[in-house]
């Protein structure tokens, strides 16, 4: 069944169904599980054990089946242990796990923003290719109409054979352009369906009716100073800062190998033996045999074959790596923002120039067509202006697409893409609110 997709629905489908986001959410759950495991290291452990045995044995002088007797035994115990101090390892491990969990959540937010940007861009690109099909189809119909007129003039010996062949070449060029536009459109739909996790065979149509938010005059200018301040606080940068702090905790964990550890233990044991002269089961098991013990042990590392030193070196190198990654990410973040801003400002100029070119080309083509029909202009002049008008029409649509996508890219780079889309679309999208 065909699906009619408006942009708000595309956004909802992308954020709810995309596989990469689901993988990121699983990563968060794994990190949460790690935090729970680290918290459990502060709790005491308690182990219970119980067992029993029934024995049939002889006296060793006669066959066992003649002198054998049954005897029974039972035992039970409780063992408890608790780590009191382990050189700060437990505290650092818990802090490290918590920081990695927060980093995973920030990574999820950034992945969500990326999927949001991709879904909108692919949707609008498919719509652009659809408009290009209309432009190229209209031009193809016009060239075929001119071909018919030229063929009639040629048969009437008004036009030469070269004019017919030239127009045939233009018709073939338009057919090629239409086929390429259709291929690009269908390819864009497949990419969009892949992002939304829709079956590739599902037919979809794009619903951009009354998309006033896409008009150039409705696309707001970015606040550059505010955006630059936000760039260094967007989700992926914050995630990397958290990973850097987690790496510092890794150094504390490694250094704990040099420190004293203290642990406490306690146990309660009892037993019963059928051959014991110390009373029946109840007397032995609950009165005579119970044994309780407790103690504290202290471990002092002396020589561990340089394991602690190598662990510390490895942890510090990991910290250095995270610092370099943060510096690189901050550099790339500002560069990407400035490139997006440059593209946006450049596209505004390109759109204005394309609109002026299209307007001038249409006026010039109308005048040249009149001159051609009056015999004052050549077919080559008319076709040249037609090609200019066609290129300008396509350029206008491409610039309109680029203008919105580049503005969207600015909001993606400064981490405000959700609020930008909500304000731009002026629609209720629960996933963004």
Protein backbone atom coordinates (compact mmCIF):
# COMPACT_ATOMS: atom_id res chain seq x y z
CA UNK A 1 0.00 0.00 0.00
CA UNK A 2 1.30 3.43 -0.97
CA UNK A 3 2.36 5.76 1.84
CA UNK A 4 1.91 9.51 1.61
CA UNK A 5 4.68 11.03 3.72
CA UNK A 6 4.76 14.55 5.08
CA UNK A 7 7.97 15.77 6.68
CA UNK A 8 6.72 15.53 10.32
CA UNK A 9 5.87 11.87 9.76
CA UNK A 10 9.28 11.24 8.19
CA UNK A 11 10.95 12.73 11.26
CA UNK A 12 8.86 10.56 13.60
CA UNK A 13 9.61 7.39 11.62
CA UNK A 14 13.33 8.13 11.50
CA UNK A 15 13.64 8.73 15.24
CA UNK A 16 11.54 5.70 16.17
CA UNK A 17 12.72 3.11 13.66
CA UNK A 18 16.30 3.86 12.66
CA UNK A 19 18.63 0.95 13.45
CA UNK A 20 21.66 3.02 14.41
CA UNK A 21 19.62 4.79 17.09
CA UNK A 22 18.45 1.45 18.42
CA UNK A 23 22.06 0.29 18.62
CA UNK A 24 22.95 3.44 20.53
CA UNK A 25 20.13 2.84 23.00
CA UNK A 26 21.43 -0.70 23.60
CA UNK A 27 24.86 0.77 24.31
CA UNK A 28 23.29 2.99 26.97
CA UNK A 29 21.65 -0.02 28.59
CA UNK A 30 25.00 -1.84 28.63
CA UNK A 31 26.59 1.15 30.34
CA UNK A 32 23.77 1.24 32.89
CA UNK A 33 24.39 -2.41 33.62
CA UNK A 34 28.09 -1.66 34.17
CA UNK A 35 27.21 1.06 36.68
CA UNK A 36 24.96 -1.35 38.60
CA UNK A 37 27.78 -3.90 38.67
CA UNK A 38 30.26 -1.33 39.99
CA UNK A 39 27.82 -0.21 42.69
CA UNK A 40 27.48 -3.82 43.80
CA UNK A 41 31.19 -3.89 44.63
CA UNK A 42 30.42 -1.78 47.70
CA UNK A 43 28.00 -4.40 49.07
CA UNK A 44 29.04 -7.37 51.23
CA UNK A 45 28.77 -10.85 49.83
CA UNK A 46 27.00 -13.67 51.65
CA UNK A 47 27.20 -17.32 50.68
CA UNK A 48 25.25 -20.20 52.19
CA UNK A 49 26.20 -23.84 51.83
CA UNK A 50 24.68 -27.10 53.02
CA UNK A 51 25.32 -30.75 52.40
CA UNK A 52 24.67 -34.21 53.67
CA UNK A 53 25.91 -37.74 53.14
CA UNK A 54 24.74 -41.28 53.82
CA UNK A 55 27.49 -43.86 54.17
CA UNK A 56 27.37 -47.67 54.17
CA UNK A 57 30.61 -49.29 55.43
CA UNK A 58 31.93 -52.47 57.05
CA UNK A 59 34.42 -53.09 59.89
CA UNK A 60 37.25 -54.13 57.57
CA UNK A 61 37.48 -57.71 58.91
CA UNK A 62 34.34 -59.26 57.47
CA UNK A 63 32.59 -58.85 54.11
CA UNK A 64 30.79 -55.55 53.98
CA UNK A 65 27.43 -57.17 53.17
CA UNK A 66 27.73 -59.10 56.47
CA UNK A 67 29.01 -56.37 58.79
CA UNK A 68 28.12 -53.17 56.97
CA UNK A 69 26.28 -50.34 58.74
CA UNK A 70 24.72 -47.04 57.66
CA UNK A 71 25.99 -43.72 59.00
CA UNK A 72 24.89 -40.22 58.13
CA UNK A 73 26.41 -36.76 58.29
CA UNK A 74 25.37 -33.20 57.50
CA UNK A 75 27.00 -29.79 57.39
CA UNK A 76 25.94 -26.18 56.78
CA UNK A 77 27.65 -22.83 56.71
CA UNK A 78 27.34 -19.09 56.10
CA UNK A 79 30.29 -17.11 54.76
CA UNK A 80 30.31 -13.33 54.50
CA UNK A 81 32.98 -11.02 53.16
CA UNK A 82 33.29 -7.32 52.55
CA UNK A 83 35.98 -5.13 51.04
CA UNK A 84 36.65 -2.18 53.29
CA UNK A 85 39.32 -0.43 51.27
CA UNK A 86 40.98 -1.23 47.96
CA UNK A 87 43.17 1.76 47.29
CA UNK A 88 40.34 3.86 45.87
CA UNK A 89 39.78 1.40 43.02
CA UNK A 90 36.08 0.87 43.69
CA UNK A 91 35.30 4.57 43.87
CA UNK A 92 37.25 5.29 40.70
CA UNK A 93 35.68 2.35 38.85
CA UNK A 94 32.18 3.53 39.76
CA UNK A 95 33.00 7.08 38.70
CA UNK A 96 34.48 5.81 35.44
CA UNK A 97 31.37 3.74 34.70
CA UNK A 98 29.09 6.69 35.49
CA UNK A 99 31.06 9.00 33.20
CA UNK A 100 30.98 6.46 30.36
CA UNK A 101 27.22 6.13 30.84
CA UNK A 102 26.78 9.90 30.56
CA UNK A 103 29.01 9.90 27.47
CA UNK A 104 26.88 7.20 25.84
CA UNK A 105 23.76 9.26 26.48
CA UNK A 106 25.38 12.30 24.87
CA UNK A 107 26.48 10.13 21.93
CA UNK A 108 22.88 8.97 21.55
CA UNK A 109 21.68 12.56 21.44
CA UNK A 110 24.24 13.40 18.74
CA UNK A 111 23.32 10.31 16.73
CA UNK A 112 19.69 11.36 17.02
CA UNK A 113 20.53 14.80 15.64
CA UNK A 114 22.48 13.23 12.77
CA UNK A 115 19.58 10.93 11.83
CA UNK A 116 17.26 13.92 12.03
CA UNK A 117 19.47 15.91 9.65
CA UNK A 118 19.78 12.98 7.26
CA UNK A 119 16.06 12.26 7.16
CA UNK A 120 15.14 15.88 6.37
CA UNK A 121 17.92 16.26 3.80
CA UNK A 122 17.05 13.02 1.99
CA UNK A 123 13.36 13.88 1.98
CA UNK A 124 13.97 17.31 0.47
CA UNK A 125 16.51 15.94 -2.01
CA UNK A 126 13.95 13.45 -3.29
CA UNK A 127 11.48 16.32 -3.69
CA UNK A 128 14.15 18.30 -5.56
CA UNK A 129 14.64 15.42 -8.01
CA UNK A 130 10.87 15.25 -8.50
CA UNK A 131 10.78 18.93 -9.43
CA UNK A 132 13.73 18.39 -11.74
CA UNK A 133 11.75 15.65 -13.49
CA UNK A 134 8.92 18.13 -14.06
CA UNK A 135 11.28 20.76 -15.46
CA UNK A 136 13.06 18.32 -17.74
CA UNK A 137 9.77 16.75 -18.88
CA UNK A 138 8.36 20.16 -19.74
CA UNK A 139 11.48 20.99 -21.71
CA UNK A 140 11.33 17.65 -23.51
CA UNK A 141 7.72 18.32 -24.56
CA UNK A 142 8.74 21.77 -25.82
CA UNK A 143 11.65 20.38 -27.83
CA UNK A 144 9.48 17.69 -29.37
CA UNK A 145 6.94 20.32 -30.36
CA UNK A 146 9.67 22.38 -31.99
CA UNK A 147 10.96 19.27 -33.73
CA UNK A 148 7.56 18.71 -35.32
CA UNK A 149 7.47 22.32 -36.53
CA UNK A 150 10.99 22.12 -37.91
CA UNK A 151 10.22 18.88 -39.72
CA UNK A 152 7.18 20.51 -41.33
CA UNK A 153 9.33 23.49 -42.35
CA UNK A 154 11.99 21.12 -43.70
CA UNK A 155 9.43 19.26 -45.78
CA UNK A 156 8.28 22.64 -47.06
CA UNK A 157 11.93 23.44 -47.84
CA UNK A 158 11.96 26.32 -45.36
CA UNK A 159 14.52 24.71 -43.03
CA UNK A 160 17.65 22.78 -43.85
CA UNK A 161 18.35 19.17 -42.89
CA UNK A 162 20.94 20.27 -40.29
CA UNK A 163 18.20 22.07 -38.33
CA UNK A 164 16.24 18.82 -38.09
CA UNK A 165 19.27 16.87 -36.88
CA UNK A 166 20.19 19.58 -34.40
CA UNK A 167 16.70 19.47 -32.91
CA UNK A 168 16.74 15.68 -32.84
CA UNK A 169 19.96 15.88 -30.82
CA UNK A 170 18.28 18.28 -28.38
CA UNK A 171 15.30 15.96 -28.00
CA UNK A 172 17.63 13.03 -27.28
CA UNK A 173 19.49 15.17 -24.73
CA UNK A 174 16.20 15.97 -22.96
CA UNK A 175 15.22 12.30 -22.93
CA UNK A 176 18.57 11.51 -21.31
CA UNK A 177 18.09 14.26 -18.73
CA UNK A 178 14.59 13.04 -17.86
CA UNK A 179 15.84 9.46 -17.46
CA UNK A 180 18.69 10.64 -15.22
CA UNK A 181 16.34 12.76 -13.10
CA UNK A 182 14.00 9.80 -12.65
CA UNK A 183 16.89 7.56 -11.68
CA UNK A 184 18.08 10.10 -9.11
CA UNK A 185 14.55 10.43 -7.75
CA UNK A 186 14.05 6.68 -7.35
CA UNK A 187 17.51 6.32 -5.82
CA UNK A 188 16.67 9.05 -3.31
CA UNK A 189 13.46 7.28 -2.36
CA UNK A 190 15.36 4.03 -1.69
CA UNK A 191 17.84 5.86 0.56
CA UNK A 192 14.98 7.53 2.41
CA UNK A 193 13.15 4.22 2.92
CA UNK A 194 16.38 2.63 4.16
CA UNK A 195 16.77 5.39 6.74
CA UNK A 196 13.15 4.97 7.87
CA UNK A 197 13.41 1.16 7.87
CA UNK A 198 10.56 0.86 5.36
CA UNK A 199 10.53 -2.13 2.99
CA UNK A 200 12.24 -1.12 -0.27
CA UNK A 201 9.19 -2.31 -2.22
CA UNK A 202 6.86 0.09 -0.38
CA UNK A 203 5.70 2.84 -2.76
CA UNK A 204 5.84 6.29 -1.18
CA UNK A 205 4.88 9.77 -2.27
CA UNK A 206 6.13 13.05 -0.85
CA UNK A 207 3.62 15.47 0.60
CA UNK A 208 5.03 18.98 0.61
CA UNK A 209 1.77 20.84 0.13
CA UNK A 210 1.74 24.33 1.61
CA UNK A 211 5.40 24.06 2.63
CA UNK A 212 5.74 27.79 3.29
CA UNK A 213 8.59 27.02 5.71
CA UNK A 214 10.68 26.09 2.69
CA UNK A 215 10.37 29.50 1.07
CA UNK A 216 13.66 31.46 1.18
CA UNK A 217 12.03 34.47 2.84
CA UNK A 218 10.89 32.24 5.73
CA UNK A 219 14.33 30.83 6.48
CA UNK A 220 15.76 32.79 9.39
CA UNK A 221 19.30 34.04 9.68
CA UNK A 222 21.54 32.29 12.24
CA UNK A 223 22.94 34.10 15.26
CA UNK A 224 26.62 33.46 14.63
CA UNK A 225 27.96 34.47 18.05
CA UNK A 226 25.43 32.32 19.91
CA UNK A 227 25.98 29.38 17.57
CA UNK A 228 29.75 29.54 18.02
CA UNK A 229 29.27 29.40 21.79
CA UNK A 230 26.99 26.38 21.43
CA UNK A 231 29.35 24.48 19.13
CA UNK A 232 31.68 23.62 22.00
CA UNK A 233 28.82 22.41 24.17
CA UNK A 234 27.05 20.19 21.70
CA UNK A 235 26.44 16.55 22.55
CA UNK A 236 29.46 14.91 20.90
CA UNK A 237 31.90 17.42 22.42
CA UNK A 238 30.38 16.90 25.86
CA UNK A 239 30.59 13.14 25.35
CA UNK A 240 34.29 13.40 24.58
CA UNK A 241 34.90 15.54 27.66
CA UNK A 242 33.17 12.86 29.73
CA UNK A 243 35.33 10.16 28.16
CA UNK A 244 38.42 12.22 29.03
CA UNK A 245 37.32 12.39 32.67
CA UNK A 246 36.63 8.66 32.61
CA UNK A 247 40.19 8.08 31.35
CA UNK A 248 41.49 10.09 34.31
CA UNK A 249 39.57 7.76 36.60
CA UNK A 250 41.29 4.89 34.79
CA UNK A 251 44.61 6.28 36.04
CA UNK A 252 43.29 6.20 39.62
CA UNK A 253 42.24 2.60 39.11
CA UNK A 254 45.70 1.66 37.86
CA UNK A 255 47.43 3.52 40.71
CA UNK A 256 45.36 1.63 43.28
CA UNK A 257 47.56 -1.39 42.55
CA UNK A 258 50.25 0.27 44.67
CA UNK A 259 48.05 0.74 47.71
CA UNK A 260 47.01 -1.34 50.68
CA UNK A 261 43.69 -3.19 50.55
CA UNK A 262 41.63 -4.17 53.57
CA UNK A 263 38.84 -6.71 53.70
CA UNK A 264 36.72 -8.31 56.41
CA UNK A 265 35.25 -11.80 56.56
CA UNK A 266 32.99 -13.81 58.84
CA UNK A 267 31.74 -17.37 58.82
CA UNK A 268 29.32 -19.60 60.70
CA UNK A 269 29.64 -23.39 60.33
CA UNK A 270 28.00 -26.40 61.91
CA UNK A 271 27.88 -30.12 61.26
CA UNK A 272 26.39 -33.43 62.37
CA UNK A 273 27.79 -36.94 62.28
CA UNK A 274 25.79 -40.06 63.01
CA UNK A 275 28.83 -41.77 64.55
CA UNK A 276 29.62 -38.97 66.95
CA UNK A 277 29.01 -39.50 70.69
CA UNK A 278 28.09 -35.84 71.20
CA UNK A 279 24.34 -36.18 71.01
CA UNK A 280 21.65 -36.48 68.44
CA UNK A 281 21.19 -34.35 65.31
CA UNK A 282 19.57 -31.42 67.07
CA UNK A 283 22.16 -31.32 69.84
CA UNK A 284 25.11 -31.54 67.46
CA UNK A 285 23.81 -29.32 64.68
CA UNK A 286 22.35 -26.51 66.78
CA UNK A 287 24.20 -26.66 70.12
CA UNK A 288 27.50 -28.52 70.17
CA UNK A 289 28.98 -28.09 66.66
CA UNK A 290 28.25 -24.49 65.55
CA UNK A 291 31.44 -22.54 65.03
CA UNK A 292 31.69 -18.79 64.29
CA UNK A 293 34.75 -16.84 63.16
CA UNK A 294 35.57 -13.41 61.87
CA UNK A 295 38.62 -11.50 60.83
CA UNK A 296 40.22 -8.65 58.94
CA UNK A 297 42.94 -9.10 56.36
CA UNK A 298 45.35 -6.53 55.03
CA UNK A 299 47.15 -6.93 51.71
CA UNK A 300 50.29 -4.95 50.94
CA UNK A 301 51.62 -5.11 47.35
CA UNK A 302 55.37 -5.67 47.25
CA UNK A 303 56.28 -7.02 43.83
CA UNK A 304 53.81 -7.74 41.02
CA UNK A 305 56.23 -8.06 38.08
CA UNK A 306 55.66 -4.42 37.04
CA UNK A 307 51.98 -4.98 36.27
CA UNK A 308 50.91 -1.88 38.18
CA UNK A 309 53.51 0.31 36.45
CA UNK A 310 52.52 -0.88 32.99
CA UNK A 311 48.83 -0.40 33.81
CA UNK A 312 49.53 3.18 34.91
CA UNK A 313 51.47 3.91 31.73
CA UNK A 314 48.65 2.43 29.63
CA UNK A 315 46.02 4.48 31.49
CA UNK A 316 47.96 7.70 31.04
CA UNK A 317 48.39 7.02 27.33
CA UNK A 318 44.64 6.46 27.11
CA UNK A 319 44.09 9.83 28.80
CA UNK A 320 46.48 11.49 26.34
CA UNK A 321 44.60 9.89 23.46
CA UNK A 322 41.28 11.19 24.74
CA UNK A 323 42.77 14.69 25.11
CA UNK A 324 43.93 14.61 21.49
CA UNK A 325 40.52 13.36 20.36
CA UNK A 326 38.85 16.22 22.23
CA UNK A 327 41.16 18.79 20.68
CA UNK A 328 40.54 17.34 17.23
CA UNK A 329 36.78 17.25 17.77
CA UNK A 330 36.65 20.86 18.94
CA UNK A 331 38.72 21.91 15.92
CA UNK A 332 36.47 19.97 13.54
CA UNK A 333 33.31 21.27 15.23
CA UNK A 334 34.20 24.92 14.67
CA UNK A 335 35.48 24.23 11.14
CA UNK A 336 32.28 22.37 10.18
CA UNK A 337 30.15 25.18 11.59
CA UNK A 338 32.04 27.85 9.68
CA UNK A 339 31.82 25.79 6.48
CA UNK A 340 28.06 25.40 6.95
CA UNK A 341 27.77 29.16 7.50
CA UNK A 342 29.90 29.84 4.41
CA UNK A 343 27.74 27.50 2.32
CA UNK A 344 24.56 29.16 3.58
CA UNK A 345 25.73 32.68 2.75
CA UNK A 346 27.05 31.54 -0.63
CA UNK A 347 23.79 29.79 -1.47
CA UNK A 348 21.82 32.97 -0.80
CA UNK A 349 23.89 34.74 -3.45
CA UNK A 350 23.58 31.78 -5.84
CA UNK A 351 19.80 31.69 -5.42
CA UNK A 352 19.49 35.40 -6.15
CA UNK A 353 21.71 35.10 -9.21
CA UNK A 354 19.83 32.03 -10.47
CA UNK A 355 16.48 33.78 -10.10
CA UNK A 356 17.76 36.79 -12.01
CA UNK A 357 19.25 34.54 -14.68
CA UNK A 358 15.97 32.65 -15.05
CA UNK A 359 13.93 35.84 -15.32
CA UNK A 360 16.28 37.33 -17.91
CA UNK A 361 16.51 34.05 -19.87
CA UNK A 362 12.70 33.77 -20.09
CA UNK A 363 12.35 37.34 -21.37
CA UNK A 364 15.21 36.89 -23.83
CA UNK A 365 13.83 33.53 -25.03
CA UNK A 366 10.40 35.01 -25.65
CA UNK A 367 11.90 37.82 -27.70
CA UNK A 368 14.28 35.51 -29.58
CA UNK A 369 11.42 33.11 -30.35
CA UNK A 370 9.48 35.98 -31.91
CA UNK A 371 12.52 36.96 -33.98
CA UNK A 372 13.00 33.34 -35.03
CA UNK A 373 9.41 33.04 -36.22
CA UNK A 374 9.88 36.26 -38.14
CA UNK A 375 13.03 34.87 -39.74
CA UNK A 376 15.35 37.33 -38.02
CA UNK A 377 17.08 34.80 -35.72
CA UNK A 378 18.55 31.35 -36.16
CA UNK A 379 17.41 28.14 -34.55
CA UNK A 380 20.81 27.93 -32.88
CA UNK A 381 20.18 31.23 -31.10
CA UNK A 382 16.79 30.04 -29.84
CA UNK A 383 18.13 26.69 -28.65
CA UNK A 384 21.02 28.38 -26.88
CA UNK A 385 18.60 30.55 -24.91
CA UNK A 386 16.42 27.51 -24.19
CA UNK A 387 19.41 25.71 -22.71
CA UNK A 388 20.22 28.77 -20.60
CA UNK A 389 16.64 28.99 -19.34
CA UNK A 390 16.61 25.25 -18.53
CA UNK A 391 19.87 25.42 -16.59
CA UNK A 392 18.63 28.49 -14.71
CA UNK A 393 15.34 26.78 -13.77
CA UNK A 394 17.18 23.75 -12.43
CA UNK A 395 19.68 26.00 -10.64
CA UNK A 396 16.87 27.91 -8.89
CA UNK A 397 15.38 24.69 -7.49
CA UNK A 398 18.79 23.36 -6.45
CA UNK A 399 19.64 26.66 -4.73
CA UNK A 400 16.32 26.66 -2.86
CA UNK A 401 17.09 23.13 -1.65
CA UNK A 402 20.68 24.02 -0.74
CA UNK A 403 19.58 27.13 1.13
CA UNK A 404 17.32 25.23 3.52
CA UNK A 405 19.68 22.27 3.94
CA UNK A 406 22.66 24.54 4.62
CA UNK A 407 20.62 26.45 7.20
CA UNK A 408 19.64 23.10 8.68
CA UNK A 409 23.31 22.13 8.70
CA UNK A 410 24.14 25.23 10.74
CA UNK A 411 21.61 24.18 13.39
CA UNK A 412 23.00 20.63 13.26
CA UNK A 413 26.54 21.89 13.80
CA UNK A 414 25.59 24.02 16.82
CA UNK A 415 23.33 21.30 18.26
CA UNK A 416 19.99 23.16 17.94
CA UNK A 417 18.47 21.21 15.06
CA UNK A 418 15.44 20.04 17.06
CA UNK A 419 14.35 23.53 18.10
CA UNK A 420 15.08 24.89 14.61
CA UNK A 421 12.80 22.33 12.96
CA UNK A 422 10.03 22.83 15.50
CA UNK A 423 10.08 26.57 14.93
CA UNK A 424 10.43 26.23 11.17
CA UNK A 425 7.74 23.62 10.59
CA UNK A 426 5.38 25.05 13.19
CA UNK A 427 3.98 21.54 13.68
CA UNK A 428 3.55 19.18 16.61
CA UNK A 429 6.25 16.50 16.53
CA UNK A 430 6.27 14.63 19.86
CA UNK A 431 9.74 13.18 19.25
CA UNK A 432 11.20 16.70 19.13
CA UNK A 433 9.26 18.30 21.96
